């Protein structure tokens, strides 16, 4: 899998704090309704053969709505699987991205890119072998590299067989819900 453009930061041009949600096993309209119930308006979407992707603002549509969407509720409402990248959980404080994987309404695995060894969910160690093999955690971890976040995205994408999110062609960024 070749990544022609790194998307973990600013996945949509001219927009900050975008969550990228890969989904499988649920129709796009069901997922859209579940996100709208969380007060998140989908900004862009694409459908692949196995996984689709929806992008939405991290925050709700009210200016003072800073709570994160309840992806457990979204997953429960839509069924199937969600692989969620919170690309910039706090731009002002400079925190790294986060990842969460939901299946059938429950959090299976999640972690901060800053501390992948602190997994949460029903299977907190789910990605540990793949992250260790990629030297992103464990005794041989190579954490002094500037491309660690890109490497983590590659490991997660390969593990779940997520489609490449190539935004060099603007079809995804230009696809807007009315």
C-alpha atoms as a PDB file:
ATOM      1  CA  UNK A   1       0.000   0.000   0.000  1.00  0.00           C
ATOM      2  CA  UNK A   2       1.511   3.334  -1.050  1.00  0.00           C
ATOM      3  CA  UNK A   3       0.548   6.527   0.740  1.00  0.00           C
ATOM      4  CA  UNK A   4       0.924   9.356  -1.719  1.00  0.00           C
ATOM      5  CA  UNK A   5      -0.280  12.045   0.677  1.00  0.00           C
ATOM      6  CA  UNK A   6      -0.188  11.993   4.420  1.00  0.00           C
ATOM      7  CA  UNK A   7      -3.728  12.700   5.676  1.00  0.00           C
ATOM      8  CA  UNK A   8      -3.575  12.208   9.459  1.00  0.00           C
ATOM      9  CA  UNK A   9      -3.344  16.004   9.827  1.00  0.00           C
ATOM     10  CA  UNK A  10      -5.793  18.207   7.914  1.00  0.00           C
ATOM     11  CA  UNK A  11      -7.525  15.466   5.912  1.00  0.00           C
ATOM     12  CA  UNK A  12      -9.780  18.046   4.269  1.00  0.00           C
ATOM     13  CA  UNK A  13      -8.275  21.201   2.766  1.00  0.00           C
ATOM     14  CA  UNK A  14      -8.905  24.390   4.727  1.00  0.00           C
ATOM     15  CA  UNK A  15     -10.525  22.487   7.617  1.00  0.00           C
ATOM     16  CA  UNK A  16      -9.095  21.571  10.989  1.00  0.00           C
ATOM     17  CA  UNK A  17     -10.208  19.052  13.583  1.00  0.00           C
ATOM     18  CA  UNK A  18     -11.729  16.508  11.236  1.00  0.00           C
ATOM     19  CA  UNK A  19     -12.509  12.942  12.293  1.00  0.00           C
ATOM     20  CA  UNK A  20     -12.062  10.232   9.680  1.00  0.00           C
ATOM     21  CA  UNK A  21     -14.454   7.296  10.113  1.00  0.00           C
ATOM     22  CA  UNK A  22     -13.985   4.131   8.072  1.00  0.00           C
ATOM     23  CA  UNK A  23     -17.089   1.944   8.163  1.00  0.00           C
ATOM     24  CA  UNK A  24     -17.978  -1.579   7.106  1.00  0.00           C
ATOM     25  CA  UNK A  25     -21.157  -3.612   7.398  1.00  0.00           C
ATOM     26  CA  UNK A  26     -23.570  -0.692   7.507  1.00  0.00           C
ATOM     27  CA  UNK A  27     -25.220   1.443   4.820  1.00  0.00           C
ATOM     28  CA  UNK A  28     -23.949   5.000   4.407  1.00  0.00           C
ATOM     29  CA  UNK A  29     -27.392   6.491   5.090  1.00  0.00           C
ATOM     30  CA  UNK A  30     -27.670   4.588   8.406  1.00  0.00           C
ATOM     31  CA  UNK A  31     -24.252   5.838   9.488  1.00  0.00           C
ATOM     32  CA  UNK A  32     -25.131   9.368   8.359  1.00  0.00           C
ATOM     33  CA  UNK A  33     -28.319   9.334  10.453  1.00  0.00           C
ATOM     34  CA  UNK A  34     -26.375   8.079  13.485  1.00  0.00           C
ATOM     35  CA  UNK A  35     -23.779  10.863  13.058  1.00  0.00           C
ATOM     36  CA  UNK A  36     -26.512  13.475  12.654  1.00  0.00           C
ATOM     37  CA  UNK A  37     -28.056  12.221  15.909  1.00  0.00           C
ATOM     38  CA  UNK A  38     -24.655  13.038  17.458  1.00  0.00           C
ATOM     39  CA  UNK A  39     -24.883  16.527  15.887  1.00  0.00           C
ATOM     40  CA  UNK A  40     -22.068  15.782  13.427  1.00  0.00           C
ATOM     41  CA  UNK A  41     -22.627  16.738   9.813  1.00  0.00           C
ATOM     42  CA  UNK A  42     -20.729  14.549   7.315  1.00  0.00           C
ATOM     43  CA  UNK A  43     -18.471  16.717   5.169  1.00  0.00           C
ATOM     44  CA  UNK A  44     -17.114  14.171   2.723  1.00  0.00           C
ATOM     45  CA  UNK A  45     -17.575  10.503   1.988  1.00  0.00           C
ATOM     46  CA  UNK A  46     -16.438   7.716  -0.280  1.00  0.00           C
ATOM     47  CA  UNK A  47     -17.432   4.083  -0.633  1.00  0.00           C
ATOM     48  CA  UNK A  48     -14.889   1.386  -1.335  1.00  0.00           C
ATOM     49  CA  UNK A  49     -15.420  -2.310  -1.949  1.00  0.00           C
ATOM     50  CA  UNK A  50     -15.162  -3.366   1.712  1.00  0.00           C
ATOM     51  CA  UNK A  51     -14.786  -0.158   3.716  1.00  0.00           C
ATOM     52  CA  UNK A  52     -16.331   3.249   3.151  1.00  0.00           C
ATOM     53  CA  UNK A  53     -15.174   6.487   4.733  1.00  0.00           C
ATOM     54  CA  UNK A  54     -16.975   9.503   6.155  1.00  0.00           C
ATOM     55  CA  UNK A  55     -15.299  12.669   7.421  1.00  0.00           C
ATOM     56  CA  UNK A  56     -16.928  15.075   9.835  1.00  0.00           C
ATOM     57  CA  UNK A  57     -16.012  17.958  12.108  1.00  0.00           C
ATOM     58  CA  UNK A  58     -14.757  16.759  15.461  1.00  0.00           C
ATOM     59  CA  UNK A  59     -17.057  19.170  17.281  1.00  0.00           C
ATOM     60  CA  UNK A  60     -20.830  19.495  17.046  1.00  0.00           C
ATOM     61  CA  UNK A  61     -22.524  22.127  14.953  1.00  0.00           C
ATOM     62  CA  UNK A  62     -23.112  24.399  17.949  1.00  0.00           C
ATOM     63  CA  UNK A  63     -20.095  26.580  18.693  1.00  0.00           C
ATOM     64  CA  UNK A  64     -20.026  25.496  22.332  1.00  0.00           C
ATOM     65  CA  UNK A  65     -20.409  21.772  21.669  1.00  0.00           C
ATOM     66  CA  UNK A  66     -16.971  20.358  22.484  1.00  0.00           C
ATOM     67  CA  UNK A  67     -17.920  16.843  23.561  1.00  0.00           C
ATOM     68  CA  UNK A  68     -16.707  14.073  21.321  1.00  0.00           C
ATOM     69  CA  UNK A  69     -19.292  12.063  19.440  1.00  0.00           C
ATOM     70  CA  UNK A  70     -20.348   8.873  21.161  1.00  0.00           C
ATOM     71  CA  UNK A  71     -19.065   6.406  18.581  1.00  0.00           C
ATOM     72  CA  UNK A  72     -20.250   3.531  20.719  1.00  0.00           C
ATOM     73  CA  UNK A  73     -23.794   4.823  20.249  1.00  0.00           C
ATOM     74  CA  UNK A  74     -23.109   5.460  16.529  1.00  0.00           C
ATOM     75  CA  UNK A  75     -21.793   1.917  16.152  1.00  0.00           C
ATOM     76  CA  UNK A  76     -24.749   0.471  18.023  1.00  0.00           C
ATOM     77  CA  UNK A  77     -27.211   2.450  15.856  1.00  0.00           C
ATOM     78  CA  UNK A  78     -25.498   1.608  12.578  1.00  0.00           C
ATOM     79  CA  UNK A  79     -24.197  -1.902  13.295  1.00  0.00           C
ATOM     80  CA  UNK A  80     -21.075  -3.137  11.606  1.00  0.00           C
ATOM     81  CA  UNK A  81     -17.596  -1.795  12.269  1.00  0.00           C
ATOM     82  CA  UNK A  82     -16.078   1.661  12.672  1.00  0.00           C
ATOM     83  CA  UNK A  83     -12.373   2.499  12.511  1.00  0.00           C
ATOM     84  CA  UNK A  84     -12.145   6.081  13.772  1.00  0.00           C
ATOM     85  CA  UNK A  85      -9.166   8.425  13.455  1.00  0.00           C
ATOM     86  CA  UNK A  86      -9.428  11.544  15.593  1.00  0.00           C
ATOM     87  CA  UNK A  87      -6.847  13.449  13.593  1.00  0.00           C
ATOM     88  CA  UNK A  88      -6.357  16.418  15.910  1.00  0.00           C
ATOM     89  CA  UNK A  89      -7.955  15.843  19.303  1.00  0.00           C
ATOM     90  CA  UNK A  90      -6.705  19.182  20.601  1.00  0.00           C
ATOM     91  CA  UNK A  91      -4.972  21.449  18.117  1.00  0.00           C
ATOM     92  CA  UNK A  92      -4.354  24.137  20.724  1.00  0.00           C
ATOM     93  CA  UNK A  93      -2.527  21.774  23.076  1.00  0.00           C
ATOM     94  CA  UNK A  94      -0.800  19.886  20.277  1.00  0.00           C
ATOM     95  CA  UNK A  95      -1.971  16.390  21.256  1.00  0.00           C
ATOM     96  CA  UNK A  96      -1.367  13.605  18.789  1.00  0.00           C
ATOM     97  CA  UNK A  97      -4.056  11.713  16.889  1.00  0.00           C
ATOM     98  CA  UNK A  98      -6.140   8.944  18.413  1.00  0.00           C
ATOM     99  CA  UNK A  99      -7.579   5.729  17.023  1.00  0.00           C
ATOM    100  CA  UNK A 100     -10.670   3.762  18.057  1.00  0.00           C
ATOM    101  CA  UNK A 101     -12.156   0.555  16.648  1.00  0.00           C
ATOM    102  CA  UNK A 102     -15.807  -0.328  17.295  1.00  0.00           C
ATOM    103  CA  UNK A 103     -17.687  -3.467  16.407  1.00  0.00           C
ATOM    104  CA  UNK A 104     -21.400  -4.069  16.972  1.00  0.00           C
ATOM    105  CA  UNK A 105     -21.796  -1.181  19.387  1.00  0.00           C
ATOM    106  CA  UNK A 106     -18.759  -1.756  21.580  1.00  0.00           C
ATOM    107  CA  UNK A 107     -15.280  -0.305  21.794  1.00  0.00           C
ATOM    108  CA  UNK A 108     -12.902  -3.097  20.867  1.00  0.00           C
ATOM    109  CA  UNK A 109      -9.635  -1.149  20.825  1.00  0.00           C
ATOM    110  CA  UNK A 110      -8.428   2.402  21.134  1.00  0.00           C
ATOM    111  CA  UNK A 111      -5.257   4.346  21.882  1.00  0.00           C
ATOM    112  CA  UNK A 112      -3.542   7.695  21.574  1.00  0.00           C
ATOM    113  CA  UNK A 113      -0.787   7.860  18.965  1.00  0.00           C
ATOM    114  CA  UNK A 114       1.327   9.407  21.722  1.00  0.00           C
ATOM    115  CA  UNK A 115       1.033   6.252  23.857  1.00  0.00           C
ATOM    116  CA  UNK A 116      -0.007   3.246  21.743  1.00  0.00           C
ATOM    117  CA  UNK A 117       1.044   0.896  24.547  1.00  0.00           C
ATOM    118  CA  UNK A 118      -1.906   2.127  26.659  1.00  0.00           C
ATOM    119  CA  UNK A 119      -4.701   0.437  24.740  1.00  0.00           C
ATOM    120  CA  UNK A 120      -8.292   0.573  25.924  1.00  0.00           C
ATOM    121  CA  UNK A 121     -11.445  -1.365  25.088  1.00  0.00           C
ATOM    122  CA  UNK A 122     -12.472  -5.013  25.164  1.00  0.00           C
ATOM    123  CA  UNK A 123      -9.217  -6.012  23.406  1.00  0.00           C
ATOM    124  CA  UNK A 124      -6.634  -3.389  24.470  1.00  0.00           C
ATOM    125  CA  UNK A 125      -3.734  -5.420  23.043  1.00  0.00           C
ATOM    126  CA  UNK A 126      -5.350  -6.045  19.638  1.00  0.00           C
ATOM    127  CA  UNK A 127      -2.832  -3.958  17.671  1.00  0.00           C
ATOM    128  CA  UNK A 128       0.148  -4.443  20.011  1.00  0.00           C
ATOM    129  CA  UNK A 129       1.820  -7.211  17.948  1.00  0.00           C
ATOM    130  CA  UNK A 130       1.549  -5.192  14.719  1.00  0.00           C
ATOM    131  CA  UNK A 131       2.759  -1.989  16.396  1.00  0.00           C
ATOM    132  CA  UNK A 132       5.642  -3.873  18.012  1.00  0.00           C
ATOM    133  CA  UNK A 133       6.626  -5.446  14.682  1.00  0.00           C
ATOM    134  CA  UNK A 134       6.674  -1.949  13.158  1.00  0.00           C
ATOM    135  CA  UNK A 135       8.919  -0.773  16.031  1.00  0.00           C
ATOM    136  CA  UNK A 136       6.285   1.697  17.247  1.00  0.00           C
ATOM    137  CA  UNK A 137       6.209   0.161  20.718  1.00  0.00           C
ATOM    138  CA  UNK A 138       8.136  -2.413  22.694  1.00  0.00           C
ATOM    139  CA  UNK A 139      11.819  -2.719  23.607  1.00  0.00           C
ATOM    140  CA  UNK A 140      13.040  -2.073  20.055  1.00  0.00           C
ATOM    141  CA  UNK A 141      10.739   0.892  19.408  1.00  0.00           C
ATOM    142  CA  UNK A 142      12.189   3.585  17.164  1.00  0.00           C
ATOM    143  CA  UNK A 143      10.298   6.619  18.446  1.00  0.00           C
ATOM    144  CA  UNK A 144      12.752   9.322  17.411  1.00  0.00           C
ATOM    145  CA  UNK A 145      11.449   9.380  13.857  1.00  0.00           C
ATOM    146  CA  UNK A 146       9.325  12.232  12.564  1.00  0.00           C
ATOM    147  CA  UNK A 147       7.055   9.883  10.618  1.00  0.00           C
ATOM    148  CA  UNK A 148       5.718   7.896  13.598  1.00  0.00           C
ATOM    149  CA  UNK A 149       2.132   9.035  13.068  1.00  0.00           C
ATOM    150  CA  UNK A 150       2.245   8.073   9.393  1.00  0.00           C
ATOM    151  CA  UNK A 151       3.731   4.707  10.374  1.00  0.00           C
ATOM    152  CA  UNK A 152       0.935   4.156  12.893  1.00  0.00           C
ATOM    153  CA  UNK A 153      -1.674   4.935  10.224  1.00  0.00           C
ATOM    154  CA  UNK A 154      -0.002   2.394   7.911  1.00  0.00           C
ATOM    155  CA  UNK A 155       0.017  -0.300  10.625  1.00  0.00           C
ATOM    156  CA  UNK A 156      -3.651   0.293  11.470  1.00  0.00           C
ATOM    157  CA  UNK A 157      -4.638   0.449   7.788  1.00  0.00           C
ATOM    158  CA  UNK A 158      -2.795  -2.762   6.996  1.00  0.00           C
ATOM    159  CA  UNK A 159      -4.175  -4.556  10.070  1.00  0.00           C
ATOM    160  CA  UNK A 160      -7.793  -3.749   9.199  1.00  0.00           C
ATOM    161  CA  UNK A 161      -7.227  -3.713   5.430  1.00  0.00           C
ATOM    162  CA  UNK A 162      -8.508  -0.141   5.224  1.00  0.00           C
ATOM    163  CA  UNK A 163      -8.473   1.437   1.777  1.00  0.00           C
ATOM    164  CA  UNK A 164      -5.830   3.995   1.012  1.00  0.00           C
ATOM    165  CA  UNK A 165      -7.107   7.477   1.672  1.00  0.00           C
ATOM    166  CA  UNK A 166      -5.398   9.345  -1.130  1.00  0.00           C
ATOM    167  CA  UNK A 167      -6.470  12.965  -1.170  1.00  0.00           C
ATOM    168  CA  UNK A 168      -4.104  14.055  -3.913  1.00  0.00           C
ATOM    169  CA  UNK A 169      -7.073  13.667  -6.213  1.00  0.00           C
ATOM    170  CA  UNK A 170      -9.717  15.957  -4.812  1.00  0.00           C
ATOM    171  CA  UNK A 171     -12.748  13.706  -5.369  1.00  0.00           C
ATOM    172  CA  UNK A 172     -13.109  13.022  -1.662  1.00  0.00           C
ATOM    173  CA  UNK A 173     -12.445  16.561  -0.509  1.00  0.00           C
ATOM    174  CA  UNK A 174     -14.855  18.014  -3.057  1.00  0.00           C
ATOM    175  CA  UNK A 175     -17.701  15.594  -2.296  1.00  0.00           C
ATOM    176  CA  UNK A 176     -19.975  17.521   0.034  1.00  0.00           C
ATOM    177  CA  UNK A 177     -23.308  16.656   1.527  1.00  0.00           C
ATOM    178  CA  UNK A 178     -25.894  19.327   0.650  1.00  0.00           C
END
